[in-house]
């Protein structure tokens, strides 16, 4: 892809709890254009720590919705 679409950011992040964030450990990987095998964007690389962060935020929201009489 000589000219990637203008709507693409330079870096793709995780979307956790309504916020775009990098990986907890800062790890990334290159996204390659399949016909040239050249990197044209980087992406945050998810790990168990990122999953734990996302699930932890989800649990907070779910537990916050519980009403106990």
PDB file of N, CA and C in Angstrom:
ATOM      1  N   UNK A   1       0.871  -1.166   0.000  1.00  0.00           N
ATOM      2  CA  UNK A   1       0.000   0.000   0.000  1.00  0.00           C
ATOM      3  C   UNK A   1       0.913   1.223   0.000  1.00  0.00           C
ATOM      4  N   UNK A   2       1.048   1.793  -1.143  1.00  0.00           N
ATOM      5  CA  UNK A   2       1.908   2.964  -1.268  1.00  0.00           C
ATOM      6  C   UNK A   2       1.353   4.128  -0.469  1.00  0.00           C
ATOM      7  N   UNK A   3       0.066   4.327  -0.557  1.00  0.00           N
ATOM      8  CA  UNK A   3      -0.586   5.407   0.166  1.00  0.00           C
ATOM      9  C   UNK A   3      -1.723   4.834   1.008  1.00  0.00           C
ATOM     10  N   UNK A   4      -1.467   4.607   2.294  1.00  0.00           N
ATOM     11  CA  UNK A   4      -2.550   4.077   3.135  1.00  0.00           C
ATOM     12  C   UNK A   4      -3.712   5.066   3.201  1.00  0.00           C
ATOM     13  N   UNK A   5      -4.907   4.587   3.464  1.00  0.00           N
ATOM     14  CA  UNK A   5      -6.058   5.496   3.575  1.00  0.00           C
ATOM     15  C   UNK A   5      -5.787   6.603   4.584  1.00  0.00           C
ATOM     16  N   UNK A   6      -6.203   7.793   4.248  1.00  0.00           N
ATOM     17  CA  UNK A   6      -5.952   8.952   5.107  1.00  0.00           C
ATOM     18  C   UNK A   6      -6.663   8.849   6.449  1.00  0.00           C
ATOM     19  N   UNK A   7      -7.702   8.032   6.522  1.00  0.00           N
ATOM     20  CA  UNK A   7      -8.466   7.942   7.764  1.00  0.00           C
ATOM     21  C   UNK A   7      -7.778   7.077   8.821  1.00  0.00           C
ATOM     22  N   UNK A   8      -6.688   6.383   8.446  1.00  0.00           N
ATOM     23  CA  UNK A   8      -5.992   5.534   9.414  1.00  0.00           C
ATOM     24  C   UNK A   8      -5.080   6.365  10.309  1.00  0.00           C
ATOM     25  N   UNK A   9      -5.056   6.061  11.599  1.00  0.00           N
ATOM     26  CA  UNK A   9      -4.092   6.733  12.472  1.00  0.00           C
ATOM     27  C   UNK A   9      -2.698   6.140  12.230  1.00  0.00           C
ATOM     28  N   UNK A  10      -1.678   6.737  12.810  1.00  0.00           N
ATOM     29  CA  UNK A  10      -0.318   6.186  12.714  1.00  0.00           C
ATOM     30  C   UNK A  10      -0.147   4.987  13.627  1.00  0.00           C
ATOM     31  N   UNK A  11      -1.001   4.906  14.642  1.00  0.00           N
ATOM     32  CA  UNK A  11      -0.873   3.859  15.663  1.00  0.00           C
ATOM     33  C   UNK A  11      -2.270   3.466  16.140  1.00  0.00           C
ATOM     34  N   UNK A  12      -2.531   2.173  16.189  1.00  0.00           N
ATOM     35  CA  UNK A  12      -3.816   1.666  16.677  1.00  0.00           C
ATOM     36  C   UNK A  12      -3.649   1.265  18.143  1.00  0.00           C
ATOM     37  N   UNK A  13      -4.553   1.748  18.976  1.00  0.00           N
ATOM     38  CA  UNK A  13      -4.503   1.458  20.410  1.00  0.00           C
ATOM     39  C   UNK A  13      -5.671   0.572  20.814  1.00  0.00           C
ATOM     40  N   UNK A  14      -5.620   0.090  22.048  1.00  0.00           N
ATOM     41  CA  UNK A  14      -6.732  -0.661  22.630  1.00  0.00           C
ATOM     42  C   UNK A  14      -7.809   0.337  23.062  1.00  0.00           C
ATOM     43  N   UNK A  15      -9.048  -0.105  23.043  1.00  0.00           N
ATOM     44  CA  UNK A  15     -10.164   0.709  23.526  1.00  0.00           C
ATOM     45  C   UNK A  15     -10.668   0.050  24.803  1.00  0.00           C
ATOM     46  N   UNK A  16     -10.281   0.615  25.944  1.00  0.00           N
ATOM     47  CA  UNK A  16     -10.623   0.050  27.245  1.00  0.00           C
ATOM     48  C   UNK A  16     -11.322   1.112  28.075  1.00  0.00           C
ATOM     49  N   UNK A  17     -12.498   0.788  28.546  1.00  0.00           N
ATOM     50  CA  UNK A  17     -13.275   1.674  29.414  1.00  0.00           C
ATOM     51  C   UNK A  17     -13.508   3.042  28.769  1.00  0.00           C
ATOM     52  N   UNK A  18     -13.761   3.034  27.453  1.00  0.00           N
ATOM     53  CA  UNK A  18     -14.076   4.270  26.754  1.00  0.00           C
ATOM     54  C   UNK A  18     -12.890   5.138  26.404  1.00  0.00           C
ATOM     55  N   UNK A  19     -11.675   4.608  26.571  1.00  0.00           N
ATOM     56  CA  UNK A  19     -10.468   5.392  26.332  1.00  0.00           C
ATOM     57  C   UNK A  19      -9.511   4.594  25.449  1.00  0.00           C
ATOM     58  N   UNK A  20      -8.863   5.263  24.506  1.00  0.00           N
ATOM     59  CA  UNK A  20      -7.823   4.622  23.712  1.00  0.00           C
ATOM     60  C   UNK A  20      -6.535   4.612  24.524  1.00  0.00           C
ATOM     61  N   UNK A  21      -5.960   3.414  24.706  1.00  0.00           N
ATOM     62  CA  UNK A  21      -4.751   3.272  25.517  1.00  0.00           C
ATOM     63  C   UNK A  21      -3.746   2.363  24.821  1.00  0.00           C
ATOM     64  N   UNK A  22      -2.475   2.589  25.105  1.00  0.00           N
ATOM     65  CA  UNK A  22      -1.425   1.695  24.635  1.00  0.00           C
ATOM     66  C   UNK A  22      -1.415   0.438  25.495  1.00  0.00           C
ATOM     67  N   UNK A  23      -0.681  -0.560  25.066  1.00  0.00           N
ATOM     68  CA  UNK A  23      -0.526  -1.777  25.853  1.00  0.00           C
ATOM     69  C   UNK A  23       0.131  -1.446  27.187  1.00  0.00           C
ATOM     70  N   UNK A  24      -0.215  -2.206  28.211  1.00  0.00           N
ATOM     71  CA  UNK A  24       0.344  -1.977  29.542  1.00  0.00           C
ATOM     72  C   UNK A  24       1.866  -1.981  29.492  1.00  0.00           C
ATOM     73  N   UNK A  25       2.444  -2.934  28.747  1.00  0.00           N
ATOM     74  CA  UNK A  25       3.905  -3.032  28.672  1.00  0.00           C
ATOM     75  C   UNK A  25       4.511  -2.227  27.522  1.00  0.00           C
ATOM     76  N   UNK A  26       3.673  -1.494  26.779  1.00  0.00           N
ATOM     77  CA  UNK A  26       4.163  -0.673  25.684  1.00  0.00           C
ATOM     78  C   UNK A  26       4.494  -1.432  24.404  1.00  0.00           C
ATOM     79  N   UNK A  27       4.239  -2.741  24.369  1.00  0.00           N
ATOM     80  CA  UNK A  27       4.579  -3.558  23.202  1.00  0.00           C
ATOM     81  C   UNK A  27       3.696  -3.205  22.007  1.00  0.00           C
ATOM     82  N   UNK A  28       4.292  -3.238  20.831  1.00  0.00           N
ATOM     83  CA  UNK A  28       3.572  -2.980  19.585  1.00  0.00           C
ATOM     84  C   UNK A  28       4.007  -4.004  18.531  1.00  0.00           C
ATOM     85  N   UNK A  29       3.260  -4.036  17.439  1.00  0.00           N
ATOM     86  CA  UNK A  29       3.690  -4.802  16.281  1.00  0.00           C
ATOM     87  C   UNK A  29       3.365  -3.995  15.032  1.00  0.00           C
ATOM     88  N   UNK A  30       4.074  -4.292  13.968  1.00  0.00           N
ATOM     89  CA  UNK A  30       3.837  -3.617  12.696  1.00  0.00           C
ATOM     90  C   UNK A  30       2.700  -4.296  11.951  1.00  0.00           C
ATOM     91  N   UNK A  31       1.866  -3.491  11.318  1.00  0.00           N
ATOM     92  CA  UNK A  31       0.829  -4.001  10.422  1.00  0.00           C
ATOM     93  C   UNK A  31       1.401  -3.887   9.017  1.00  0.00           C
ATOM     94  N   UNK A  32       1.427  -5.009   8.303  1.00  0.00           N
ATOM     95  CA  UNK A  32       2.062  -5.050   6.998  1.00  0.00           C
ATOM     96  C   UNK A  32       1.047  -4.972   5.873  1.00  0.00           C
ATOM     97  N   UNK A  33       1.409  -4.253   4.833  1.00  0.00           N
ATOM     98  CA  UNK A  33       0.614  -4.203   3.625  1.00  0.00           C
ATOM     99  C   UNK A  33       0.886  -5.502   2.878  1.00  0.00           C
ATOM    100  N   UNK A  34      -0.138  -6.288   2.577  1.00  0.00           N
ATOM    101  CA  UNK A  34       0.086  -7.643   2.082  1.00  0.00           C
ATOM    102  C   UNK A  34       0.773  -7.763   0.721  1.00  0.00           C
ATOM    103  N   UNK A  35       0.657  -6.774  -0.139  1.00  0.00           N
ATOM    104  CA  UNK A  35       1.279  -6.916  -1.456  1.00  0.00           C
ATOM    105  C   UNK A  35       2.737  -6.486  -1.493  1.00  0.00           C
ATOM    106  N   UNK A  36       3.142  -5.647  -0.535  1.00  0.00           N
ATOM    107  CA  UNK A  36       4.533  -5.182  -0.511  1.00  0.00           C
ATOM    108  C   UNK A  36       5.290  -5.695   0.710  1.00  0.00           C
ATOM    109  N   UNK A  37       4.555  -6.191   1.697  1.00  0.00           N
ATOM    110  CA  UNK A  37       5.131  -6.660   2.963  1.00  0.00           C
ATOM    111  C   UNK A  37       5.859  -5.543   3.709  1.00  0.00           C
ATOM    112  N   UNK A  38       5.409  -4.320   3.515  1.00  0.00           N
ATOM    113  CA  UNK A  38       5.987  -3.166   4.210  1.00  0.00           C
ATOM    114  C   UNK A  38       5.049  -2.710   5.318  1.00  0.00           C
ATOM    115  N   UNK A  39       5.646  -2.307   6.438  1.00  0.00           N
ATOM    116  CA  UNK A  39       4.857  -1.797   7.563  1.00  0.00           C
ATOM    117  C   UNK A  39       4.299  -0.427   7.203  1.00  0.00           C
ATOM    118  N   UNK A  40       3.026  -0.229   7.517  1.00  0.00           N
ATOM    119  CA  UNK A  40       2.433   1.087   7.252  1.00  0.00           C
ATOM    120  C   UNK A  40       1.714   1.650   8.475  1.00  0.00           C
ATOM    121  N   UNK A  41       1.655   0.886   9.551  1.00  0.00           N
ATOM    122  CA  UNK A  41       1.026   1.345  10.780  1.00  0.00           C
ATOM    123  C   UNK A  41       1.512   0.438  11.914  1.00  0.00           C
ATOM    124  N   UNK A  42       1.507   0.938  13.136  1.00  0.00           N
ATOM    125  CA  UNK A  42       1.813   0.091  14.290  1.00  0.00           C
ATOM    126  C   UNK A  42       0.540  -0.122  15.090  1.00  0.00           C
ATOM    127  N   UNK A  43       0.533  -1.184  15.845  1.00  0.00           N
ATOM    128  CA  UNK A  43      -0.639  -1.544  16.630  1.00  0.00           C
ATOM    129  C   UNK A  43      -0.201  -1.977  18.025  1.00  0.00           C
ATOM    130  N   UNK A  44      -0.935  -1.556  19.036  1.00  0.00           N
ATOM    131  CA  UNK A  44      -0.644  -2.010  20.391  1.00  0.00           C
ATOM    132  C   UNK A  44      -0.848  -3.519  20.460  1.00  0.00           C
ATOM    133  N   UNK A  45       0.104  -4.183  21.071  1.00  0.00           N
ATOM    134  CA  UNK A  45       0.062  -5.640  21.174  1.00  0.00           C
ATOM    135  C   UNK A  45      -0.529  -6.032  22.527  1.00  0.00           C
ATOM    136  N   UNK A  46      -1.647  -6.728  22.498  1.00  0.00           N
ATOM    137  CA  UNK A  46      -2.323  -7.104  23.739  1.00  0.00           C
ATOM    138  C   UNK A  46      -1.637  -8.261  24.448  1.00  0.00           C
ATOM    139  N   UNK A  47      -1.660  -8.207  25.754  1.00  0.00           N
ATOM    140  CA  UNK A  47      -1.108  -9.274  26.588  1.00  0.00           C
ATOM    141  C   UNK A  47      -2.125  -9.587  27.689  1.00  0.00           C
ATOM    142  N   UNK A  48      -1.790 -10.522  28.535  1.00  0.00           N
ATOM    143  CA  UNK A  48      -2.683 -10.875  29.636  1.00  0.00           C
ATOM    144  C   UNK A  48      -2.953  -9.664  30.528  1.00  0.00           C
ATOM    145  N   UNK A  49      -1.959  -8.805  30.697  1.00  0.00           N
ATOM    146  CA  UNK A  49      -2.151  -7.602  31.532  1.00  0.00           C
ATOM    147  C   UNK A  49      -3.210  -6.683  30.930  1.00  0.00           C
ATOM    148  N   UNK A  50      -3.258  -6.581  29.601  1.00  0.00           N
ATOM    149  CA  UNK A  50      -4.266  -5.741  28.943  1.00  0.00           C
ATOM    150  C   UNK A  50      -5.658  -6.351  29.097  1.00  0.00           C
ATOM    151  N   UNK A  51      -5.745  -7.672  28.972  1.00  0.00           N
ATOM    152  CA  UNK A  51      -7.025  -8.363  29.171  1.00  0.00           C
ATOM    153  C   UNK A  51      -7.494  -8.167  30.603  1.00  0.00           C
ATOM    154  N   UNK A  52      -6.591  -8.332  31.556  1.00  0.00           N
ATOM    155  CA  UNK A  52      -6.951  -8.150  32.969  1.00  0.00           C
ATOM    156  C   UNK A  52      -7.449  -6.733  33.230  1.00  0.00           C
ATOM    157  N   UNK A  53      -6.804  -5.753  32.623  1.00  0.00           N
ATOM    158  CA  UNK A  53      -7.230  -4.360  32.784  1.00  0.00           C
ATOM    159  C   UNK A  53      -8.634  -4.162  32.227  1.00  0.00           C
ATOM    160  N   UNK A  54      -8.876  -4.668  31.025  1.00  0.00           N
ATOM    161  CA  UNK A  54     -10.192  -4.511  30.400  1.00  0.00           C
ATOM    162  C   UNK A  54     -11.268  -5.238  31.190  1.00  0.00           C
ATOM    163  N   UNK A  55     -10.990  -6.460  31.618  1.00  0.00           N
ATOM    164  CA  UNK A  55     -11.975  -7.232  32.381  1.00  0.00           C
ATOM    165  C   UNK A  55     -12.223  -6.582  33.733  1.00  0.00           C
ATOM    166  N   UNK A  56     -11.188  -6.048  34.349  1.00  0.00           N
ATOM    167  CA  UNK A  56     -11.349  -5.363  35.635  1.00  0.00           C
ATOM    168  C   UNK A  56     -12.272  -4.170  35.523  1.00  0.00           C
ATOM    169  N   UNK A  57     -12.128  -3.398  34.454  1.00  0.00           N
ATOM    170  CA  UNK A  57     -13.017  -2.250  34.248  1.00  0.00           C
ATOM    171  C   UNK A  57     -14.444  -2.717  33.974  1.00  0.00           C
ATOM    172  N   UNK A  58     -14.593  -3.794  33.217  1.00  0.00           N
ATOM    173  CA  UNK A  58     -15.926  -4.316  32.928  1.00  0.00           C
ATOM    174  C   UNK A  58     -16.598  -4.791  34.215  1.00  0.00           C
ATOM    175  N   UNK A  59     -15.828  -5.484  35.070  1.00  0.00           N
ATOM    176  CA  UNK A  59     -16.384  -5.951  36.341  1.00  0.00           C
ATOM    177  C   UNK A  59     -16.853  -4.773  37.196  1.00  0.00           C
ATOM    178  N   UNK A  60     -16.083  -3.678  37.204  1.00  0.00           N
ATOM    179  CA  UNK A  60     -16.474  -2.494  37.979  1.00  0.00           C
ATOM    180  C   UNK A  60     -17.815  -1.959  37.487  1.00  0.00           C
ATOM    181  N   UNK A  61     -17.986  -1.918  36.179  1.00  0.00           N
ATOM    182  CA  UNK A  61     -19.254  -1.406  35.622  1.00  0.00           C
ATOM    183  C   UNK A  61     -20.406  -2.341  35.940  1.00  0.00           C
ATOM    184  N   UNK A  62     -20.175  -3.637  35.811  1.00  0.00           N
ATOM    185  CA  UNK A  62     -21.244  -4.592  36.088  1.00  0.00           C
ATOM    186  C   UNK A  62     -21.631  -4.574  37.566  1.00  0.00           C
ATOM    187  N   UNK A  63     -20.637  -4.540  38.424  1.00  0.00           N
ATOM    188  CA  UNK A  63     -20.924  -4.524  39.863  1.00  0.00           C
ATOM    189  C   UNK A  63     -21.552  -3.211  40.273  1.00  0.00           C
ATOM    190  N   UNK A  64     -21.202  -2.129  39.592  1.00  0.00           N
ATOM    191  CA  UNK A  64     -21.797  -0.832  39.889  1.00  0.00           C
ATOM    192  C   UNK A  64     -23.275  -0.777  39.532  1.00  0.00           C
ATOM    193  N   UNK A  65     -23.705  -1.637  38.611  1.00  0.00           N
ATOM    194  CA  UNK A  65     -25.105  -1.670  38.194  1.00  0.00           C
ATOM    195  C   UNK A  65     -25.973  -2.522  39.112  1.00  0.00           C
ATOM    196  N   UNK A  66     -25.338  -3.317  39.982  1.00  0.00           N
ATOM    197  CA  UNK A  66     -26.110  -4.166  40.889  1.00  0.00           C
ATOM    198  C   UNK A  66     -26.758  -3.336  41.998  1.00  0.00           C
ATOM    199  N   UNK A  67     -27.990  -3.597  42.248  1.00  0.00           N
ATOM    200  CA  UNK A  67     -28.688  -2.921  43.333  1.00  0.00           C
ATOM    201  C   UNK A  67     -29.096  -3.987  44.335  1.00  0.00           C
ATOM    202  N   UNK A  68     -28.612  -3.830  45.559  1.00  0.00           N
ATOM    203  CA  UNK A  68     -28.924  -4.795  46.611  1.00  0.00           C
ATOM    204  C   UNK A  68     -29.836  -4.122  47.607  1.00  0.00           C
ATOM    205  N   UNK A  69     -30.992  -4.757  47.850  1.00  0.00           N
ATOM    206  CA  UNK A  69     -31.945  -4.193  48.819  1.00  0.00           C
ATOM    207  C   UNK A  69     -31.704  -4.727  50.201  1.00  0.00           C
TER     208      UNK A  69
END
